[in-house]
Amino acid sequence: MKVLIADQKQVTKLLPMGECIDLMADTLRMLAGGDARLPLRMMMALPGGPNLMGLMPAYLGGIESVGVKVITSFPANYGTEYDTHQGVVILFDTTHGRLRAIVDGTAVTAIRTAAVSGVATRLLARADAGDLALIGAGTQARTHLEAMMQVRKLRRVRVYSLPIESAHEFARRESARHGIEIEVVESARAAAAGADLICTVTTAREPVVMGEWVAPGAHINAVGAFSPTTRELDSAAVVNARLYVDRRESTRSEAGEFIIPKNAGLIGDDHIAGEIGELLLGRVPGRQSPEEITLFKSLGLAVEDLASAYHVLDKAQRQGIGTWVEIGGEHFGSA
């Protein structure tokens, strides 16, 4: 049978940020409503450094699909011609187990991760929030800027990254792309000062944002760290915030921002105010006051990749575009 092979350019065309934000909201509703199966991801450390390979399986009943994202994480790729996260999303149907699509996982990860932060920001940030701090200047900084522009009217954007040259390059490129001014600042503290939107999108293993720097009323999307021993926020930043997550089980098992202060006795499981899907379904309350600090800890979920790949497949079929190849489908050995 014919299988879609979607490269980065096709994914970017078929999965625009505005559509993906709405798609991720629907996906998280399905997850919170119980219409999904989502084992914890398996991460295999490679010898001699921080490099990883991850397997992320999932099932989504709403689109009758099952699949897996296979991805590598090579932090040292930051600043080179290679993305830090590379891989594919493999999509099957649940009627006959047919392979339907193989979709570029680098592009899907870049877009859907920022789109989920967009959902969280739309729900949790103050309505007048528009002073954005980006900590990090890589792929996720680029897509998070786009997502934040979709859900809030930005009046100021600051970026900080190491090496500082990467921040200057980001500011030049993205200012031209979006027709906005982006300021390069000399420290993460200078970026966070007075910001009411903060996105941490780094490869850091130790905190880059301290709780004392965060202004009252700010909303934070903590995105970069995804293991029990790494974090971008210090314990005070987490303790002082109303915490929301993409999934409780994943957070308790994988999120250093939560696990480290919990192990220190500073918070318990009840510090998690809710999942974003629960918030979308009205099962948990959101922001309680203009002065409250809200925090979304993003880990990334395979159901998000699965929904994105299905969306790309569906649009490619309807528009009659894409690269299609014959892989499997019929009984081996038949005519």
Protein backbone atom coordinates (compact mmCIF):
# COMPACT_ATOMS: atom_id res chain seq x y z
CA MET A 1 0.00 0.00 0.00
CA LYS A 2 1.04 3.61 -0.43
CA VAL A 3 2.71 5.24 2.57
CA LEU A 4 3.32 8.97 2.96
CA ILE A 5 6.94 10.03 3.47
CA ALA A 6 6.83 13.62 4.76
CA ASP A 7 10.04 15.64 5.01
CA GLN A 8 10.70 18.80 6.99
CA LYS A 9 9.41 21.14 4.28
CA GLN A 10 6.18 19.19 3.89
CA VAL A 11 5.58 19.03 7.64
CA THR A 12 6.17 22.77 8.00
CA LYS A 13 3.71 23.49 5.19
CA LEU A 14 1.02 21.09 6.40
CA LEU A 15 1.32 21.80 10.13
CA PRO A 16 1.26 25.61 10.55
CA MET A 17 1.50 26.89 14.11
CA GLY A 18 -2.03 28.25 14.40
CA GLU A 19 -3.55 24.94 13.29
CA CYS A 20 -1.18 22.99 15.51
CA ILE A 21 -2.14 24.96 18.63
CA ASP A 22 -5.79 24.01 18.13
CA LEU A 23 -4.81 20.44 17.24
CA MET A 24 -2.78 20.10 20.45
CA ALA A 25 -5.70 21.40 22.51
CA ASP A 26 -7.93 18.71 20.98
CA THR A 27 -5.25 16.06 21.58
CA LEU A 28 -4.80 16.96 25.25
CA ARG A 29 -8.57 16.89 25.70
CA MET A 30 -8.59 13.34 24.30
CA LEU A 31 -5.79 12.33 26.64
CA ALA A 32 -7.51 13.78 29.71
CA GLY A 33 -10.78 12.17 28.61
CA GLY A 34 -9.19 8.71 28.59
CA ASP A 35 -9.22 8.20 24.82
CA ALA A 36 -5.50 7.42 24.63
CA ARG A 37 -2.82 4.95 25.67
CA LEU A 38 0.52 6.45 26.58
CA PRO A 39 3.33 4.36 28.09
CA LEU A 40 6.24 6.25 29.55
CA ARG A 41 8.93 6.86 26.96
CA MET A 42 12.01 4.66 26.93
CA MET A 43 15.29 6.57 26.86
CA MET A 44 18.54 4.77 26.07
CA ALA A 45 21.74 6.58 27.03
CA LEU A 46 24.59 6.24 24.56
CA PRO A 47 28.12 5.61 25.86
CA GLY A 48 30.48 8.45 26.59
CA GLY A 49 28.26 11.49 27.00
CA PRO A 50 24.78 13.00 27.30
CA ASN A 51 23.42 11.63 24.00
CA LEU A 52 20.17 9.68 24.05
CA MET A 53 17.84 7.70 21.85
CA GLY A 54 14.16 7.71 22.75
CA LEU A 55 11.18 5.53 21.84
CA MET A 56 7.77 7.13 22.42
CA PRO A 57 4.74 4.91 21.61
CA ALA A 58 1.11 6.02 21.77
CA TYR A 59 -2.49 5.25 20.77
CA LEU A 60 -5.23 7.81 20.09
CA GLY A 61 -8.78 6.55 19.78
CA GLY A 62 -10.17 9.75 18.29
CA ILE A 63 -8.11 9.24 15.14
CA GLU A 64 -7.91 5.41 15.39
CA SER A 65 -4.16 5.49 15.12
CA VAL A 66 -1.19 3.94 16.86
CA GLY A 67 2.46 4.75 16.39
CA VAL A 68 5.82 5.66 17.79
CA LYS A 69 8.30 8.48 17.60
CA VAL A 70 11.91 7.38 17.39
CA ILE A 71 14.20 10.28 18.18
CA THR A 72 17.75 11.09 19.19
CA SER A 73 18.90 13.89 21.47
CA PHE A 74 22.44 15.16 20.87
CA PRO A 75 22.84 18.38 22.92
CA ALA A 76 26.24 19.18 21.40
CA ASN A 77 24.55 19.73 18.04
CA TYR A 78 23.36 23.11 19.35
CA GLY A 79 24.94 25.82 17.24
CA THR A 80 25.89 23.42 14.43
CA GLU A 81 24.14 22.57 11.16
CA TYR A 82 22.37 19.68 12.91
CA ASP A 83 19.30 19.89 15.13
CA THR A 84 19.65 18.63 18.70
CA HIS A 85 16.57 16.39 18.20
CA GLN A 86 16.26 14.22 15.08
CA GLY A 87 14.00 11.33 14.18
CA VAL A 88 10.72 10.17 12.67
CA VAL A 89 7.11 9.61 13.67
CA ILE A 90 5.74 6.29 12.36
CA LEU A 91 1.95 6.10 12.04
CA PHE A 92 -0.22 2.96 11.71
CA ASP A 93 -3.99 2.49 11.54
CA THR A 94 -5.84 0.36 14.09
CA THR A 95 -8.04 -1.52 11.60
CA HIS A 96 -5.42 -3.72 9.97
CA GLY A 97 -2.22 -2.37 11.53
CA ARG A 98 -1.25 -0.83 8.20
CA LEU A 99 1.66 1.56 8.01
CA ARG A 100 0.23 4.92 6.91
CA ALA A 101 3.00 7.52 7.22
CA ILE A 102 6.62 8.16 8.11
CA VAL A 103 6.89 11.80 9.11
CA ASP A 104 9.95 13.91 9.88
CA GLY A 105 10.18 13.98 13.68
CA THR A 106 12.49 16.98 13.90
CA ALA A 107 9.90 19.29 12.36
CA VAL A 108 7.01 17.72 14.27
CA THR A 109 8.86 18.08 17.58
CA ALA A 110 9.78 21.69 16.88
CA ILE A 111 6.23 22.71 15.99
CA ARG A 112 4.08 20.66 18.37
CA THR A 113 6.22 21.42 21.44
CA ALA A 114 5.79 25.15 20.93
CA ALA A 115 2.12 24.67 20.06
CA VAL A 116 1.47 22.96 23.43
CA SER A 117 3.18 25.89 25.17
CA GLY A 118 0.87 28.09 23.12
CA VAL A 119 -2.15 26.20 24.50
CA ALA A 120 -0.86 26.56 28.06
CA THR A 121 -0.10 30.26 27.58
CA ARG A 122 -3.51 30.93 26.08
CA LEU A 123 -5.12 29.34 29.14
CA LEU A 124 -2.85 30.57 31.93
CA ALA A 125 -1.08 33.82 31.05
CA ARG A 126 -2.71 37.12 31.93
CA ALA A 127 -4.78 38.54 29.09
CA ASP A 128 -2.49 41.58 28.91
CA ALA A 129 0.76 39.57 28.95
CA GLY A 130 3.10 40.67 26.16
CA ASP A 131 6.64 41.11 27.53
CA LEU A 132 8.38 37.92 26.39
CA ALA A 133 11.71 36.54 27.62
CA LEU A 134 13.27 33.76 25.58
CA ILE A 135 16.07 31.89 27.35
CA GLY A 136 17.74 29.99 24.54
CA ALA A 137 18.08 30.81 20.85
CA GLY A 138 17.75 27.50 19.03
CA THR A 139 14.94 25.78 17.15
CA GLN A 140 12.54 25.86 20.09
CA ALA A 141 13.14 29.57 20.62
CA ARG A 142 12.13 30.15 17.00
CA THR A 143 8.93 28.11 17.21
CA HIS A 144 8.04 29.40 20.69
CA LEU A 145 8.29 32.97 19.46
CA GLU A 146 5.82 32.05 16.73
CA ALA A 147 3.50 30.31 19.20
CA MET A 148 3.56 33.22 21.65
CA MET A 149 2.71 35.60 18.80
CA GLN A 150 -0.31 33.42 18.01
CA VAL A 151 -1.80 33.61 21.52
CA ARG A 152 -0.74 37.03 22.87
CA LYS A 153 -0.01 40.45 21.42
CA LEU A 154 3.70 40.93 22.10
CA ARG A 155 4.95 44.41 22.93
CA ARG A 156 8.52 43.45 23.83
CA VAL A 157 10.80 40.46 23.15
CA ARG A 158 14.16 39.78 24.80
CA VAL A 159 16.48 36.86 24.14
CA TYR A 160 19.48 35.49 25.99
CA SER A 161 21.63 32.53 25.01
CA LEU A 162 25.16 31.17 25.17
CA PRO A 163 27.16 31.74 23.15
CA ILE A 164 25.85 35.29 22.91
CA GLU A 165 26.50 35.26 19.15
CA SER A 166 23.64 32.79 18.79
CA ALA A 167 21.30 35.28 20.45
CA HIS A 168 22.39 38.03 18.07
CA GLU A 169 21.89 35.76 15.06
CA PHE A 170 18.45 34.76 16.36
CA ALA A 171 17.46 38.40 16.88
CA ARG A 172 18.56 39.40 13.37
CA ARG A 173 16.83 36.50 11.67
CA GLU A 174 13.57 36.48 13.62
CA SER A 175 13.21 40.27 13.71
CA ALA A 176 13.30 40.24 9.91
CA ARG A 177 10.98 37.24 9.69
CA HIS A 178 8.26 38.67 11.93
CA GLY A 179 8.79 42.41 11.54
CA ILE A 180 9.34 42.93 15.27
CA GLU A 181 12.23 44.21 17.36
CA ILE A 182 14.04 41.55 19.39
CA GLU A 183 16.50 42.72 22.04
CA VAL A 184 19.62 40.74 22.94
CA VAL A 185 20.43 40.96 26.67
CA GLU A 186 23.56 40.02 28.58
CA SER A 187 22.07 37.55 31.07
CA ALA A 188 19.08 35.33 31.78
CA ARG A 189 18.31 37.58 34.73
CA ALA A 190 18.11 40.62 32.45
CA ALA A 191 15.80 38.73 30.11
CA ALA A 192 13.46 37.62 32.90
CA ALA A 193 13.33 40.99 34.70
CA GLY A 194 9.79 42.30 34.46
CA ALA A 195 8.74 39.75 31.82
CA ASP A 196 5.22 38.39 32.04
CA LEU A 197 5.95 35.57 29.58
CA ILE A 198 9.08 33.45 30.05
CA CYS A 199 10.03 30.50 27.83
CA THR A 200 13.08 28.45 28.81
CA VAL A 201 14.17 26.51 25.73
CA THR A 202 17.77 25.51 26.46
CA THR A 203 19.92 22.40 26.66
CA ALA A 204 21.03 23.39 30.18
CA ARG A 205 21.37 20.72 32.85
CA GLU A 206 21.36 23.19 35.77
CA PRO A 207 18.95 26.07 36.51
CA VAL A 208 19.16 29.10 34.25
CA VAL A 209 16.20 30.98 35.81
CA MET A 210 15.91 31.64 39.53
CA GLY A 211 12.66 32.16 41.38
CA GLU A 212 13.73 35.54 42.73
CA TRP A 213 13.97 36.88 39.17
CA VAL A 214 10.38 36.07 38.22
CA ALA A 215 7.93 38.96 38.40
CA PRO A 216 4.51 38.61 40.03
CA GLY A 217 1.88 37.63 37.48
CA ALA A 218 4.33 36.00 35.07
CA HIS A 219 3.63 32.81 33.16
CA ILE A 220 6.53 30.42 32.52
CA ASN A 221 6.84 27.66 29.93
CA ALA A 222 9.72 25.39 31.04
CA VAL A 223 10.56 23.29 27.99
CA GLY A 224 14.20 22.29 27.60
CA ALA A 225 14.87 19.77 30.39
CA PHE A 226 13.35 16.30 30.13
CA SER A 227 15.13 14.05 32.64
CA PRO A 228 14.91 13.56 36.43
CA THR A 229 18.35 15.11 37.00
CA THR A 230 18.18 18.17 34.72
CA ARG A 231 16.22 21.39 35.09
CA GLU A 232 16.09 24.95 33.80
CA LEU A 233 14.31 26.46 36.85
CA ASP A 234 15.55 26.43 40.43
CA SER A 235 13.41 25.05 43.23
CA ALA A 236 12.18 28.49 44.32
CA ALA A 237 10.75 29.18 40.86
CA VAL A 238 8.72 25.96 41.04
CA VAL A 239 7.67 26.33 44.68
CA ASN A 240 6.45 29.89 44.08
CA ALA A 241 4.37 28.99 41.02
CA ARG A 242 1.04 27.35 40.34
CA LEU A 243 2.24 24.29 38.41
CA TYR A 244 0.52 22.69 35.42
CA VAL A 245 1.85 19.77 33.38
CA ASP A 246 1.13 17.87 30.20
CA ARG A 247 0.79 14.61 32.17
CA ARG A 248 1.14 13.85 35.87
CA GLU A 249 2.70 10.40 35.47
CA SER A 250 5.37 11.71 33.12
CA THR A 251 6.12 14.66 35.40
CA ARG A 252 6.53 12.48 38.49
CA SER A 253 8.90 10.16 36.59
CA GLU A 254 10.85 12.45 34.26
CA ALA A 255 10.74 16.15 35.19
CA GLY A 256 13.74 17.38 37.18
CA GLU A 257 11.98 20.68 37.84
CA PHE A 258 9.41 18.72 39.87
CA ILE A 259 11.45 15.75 41.13
CA ILE A 260 14.38 17.70 42.60
CA PRO A 261 12.35 20.03 44.87
CA LYS A 262 10.06 17.11 45.76
CA ASN A 263 13.01 15.00 46.87
CA ALA A 264 14.20 17.96 48.94
CA GLY A 265 10.84 18.00 50.76
CA LEU A 266 9.84 21.39 49.36
CA ILE A 267 6.73 20.21 47.49
CA GLY A 268 4.58 17.11 47.16
CA ASP A 269 2.52 15.57 44.38
CA ASP A 270 -0.32 17.93 45.26
CA HIS A 271 1.79 20.85 44.04
CA ILE A 272 0.65 19.87 40.54
CA ALA A 273 -2.49 21.95 40.04
CA GLY A 274 -3.55 19.94 37.01
CA GLU A 275 -2.88 18.73 33.51
CA ILE A 276 -3.49 21.06 30.58
CA GLY A 277 -6.09 18.62 29.26
CA GLU A 278 -7.95 18.75 32.58
CA LEU A 279 -7.88 22.52 32.42
CA LEU A 280 -9.33 22.40 28.90
CA LEU A 281 -12.12 20.11 30.11
CA GLY A 282 -12.91 22.41 33.05
CA ARG A 283 -11.93 19.82 35.64
CA VAL A 284 -9.34 22.02 37.36
CA PRO A 285 -9.19 25.80 37.82
CA GLY A 286 -6.65 28.00 36.10
CA ARG A 287 -4.95 31.23 37.16
CA GLN A 288 -6.36 32.50 40.46
CA SER A 289 -5.22 36.14 40.43
CA PRO A 290 -3.34 38.67 38.28
CA GLU A 291 -0.36 38.46 40.68
CA GLU A 292 -0.09 34.67 40.69
CA ILE A 293 2.86 33.07 38.89
CA THR A 294 1.82 30.18 36.66
CA LEU A 295 4.16 27.51 35.34
CA PHE A 296 3.71 24.94 32.59
CA LYS A 297 6.27 22.16 32.72
CA SER A 298 6.48 20.64 29.25
CA LEU A 299 7.91 17.18 28.67
CA GLY A 300 6.39 16.38 25.30
CA LEU A 301 4.04 13.44 24.76
CA ALA A 302 3.86 10.82 22.02
CA VAL A 303 0.13 11.49 21.53
CA GLU A 304 1.12 14.98 20.37
CA ASP A 305 3.44 13.48 17.76
CA LEU A 306 0.81 10.96 16.69
CA ALA A 307 -1.87 13.64 16.23
CA SER A 308 0.57 15.82 14.31
CA ALA A 309 1.54 12.99 11.95
CA TYR A 310 -2.12 12.14 11.34
CA HIS A 311 -2.88 15.80 10.61
CA VAL A 312 -0.03 15.89 8.07
CA LEU A 313 -1.26 12.63 6.47
CA ASP A 314 -4.86 13.81 6.28
CA LYS A 315 -3.99 17.14 4.67
CA ALA A 316 -1.57 15.53 2.22
CA GLN A 317 -4.30 13.11 1.11
CA ARG A 318 -6.94 15.83 0.78
CA GLN A 319 -4.63 18.17 -1.10
CA GLY A 320 -3.15 15.44 -3.30
CA ILE A 321 0.43 16.27 -2.39
CA GLY A 322 3.40 14.57 -0.77
CA THR A 323 5.76 11.72 -1.52
CA TRP A 324 4.16 8.27 -1.51
CA VAL A 325 5.92 4.89 -1.61
CA GLU A 326 4.75 1.29 -1.60
CA ILE A 327 5.56 -0.40 1.72
CA GLY A 328 3.86 -3.58 2.91
CA GLY A 329 0.08 -3.75 3.24
CA GLU A 330 -0.69 -6.97 1.38
CA HIS A 331 0.01 -10.52 2.51
CA PHE A 332 3.64 -11.31 1.65
CA GLY A 333 3.77 -13.77 -1.20
CA SER A 334 0.31 -12.99 -2.62
CA ALA A 335 0.10 -12.35 -6.36
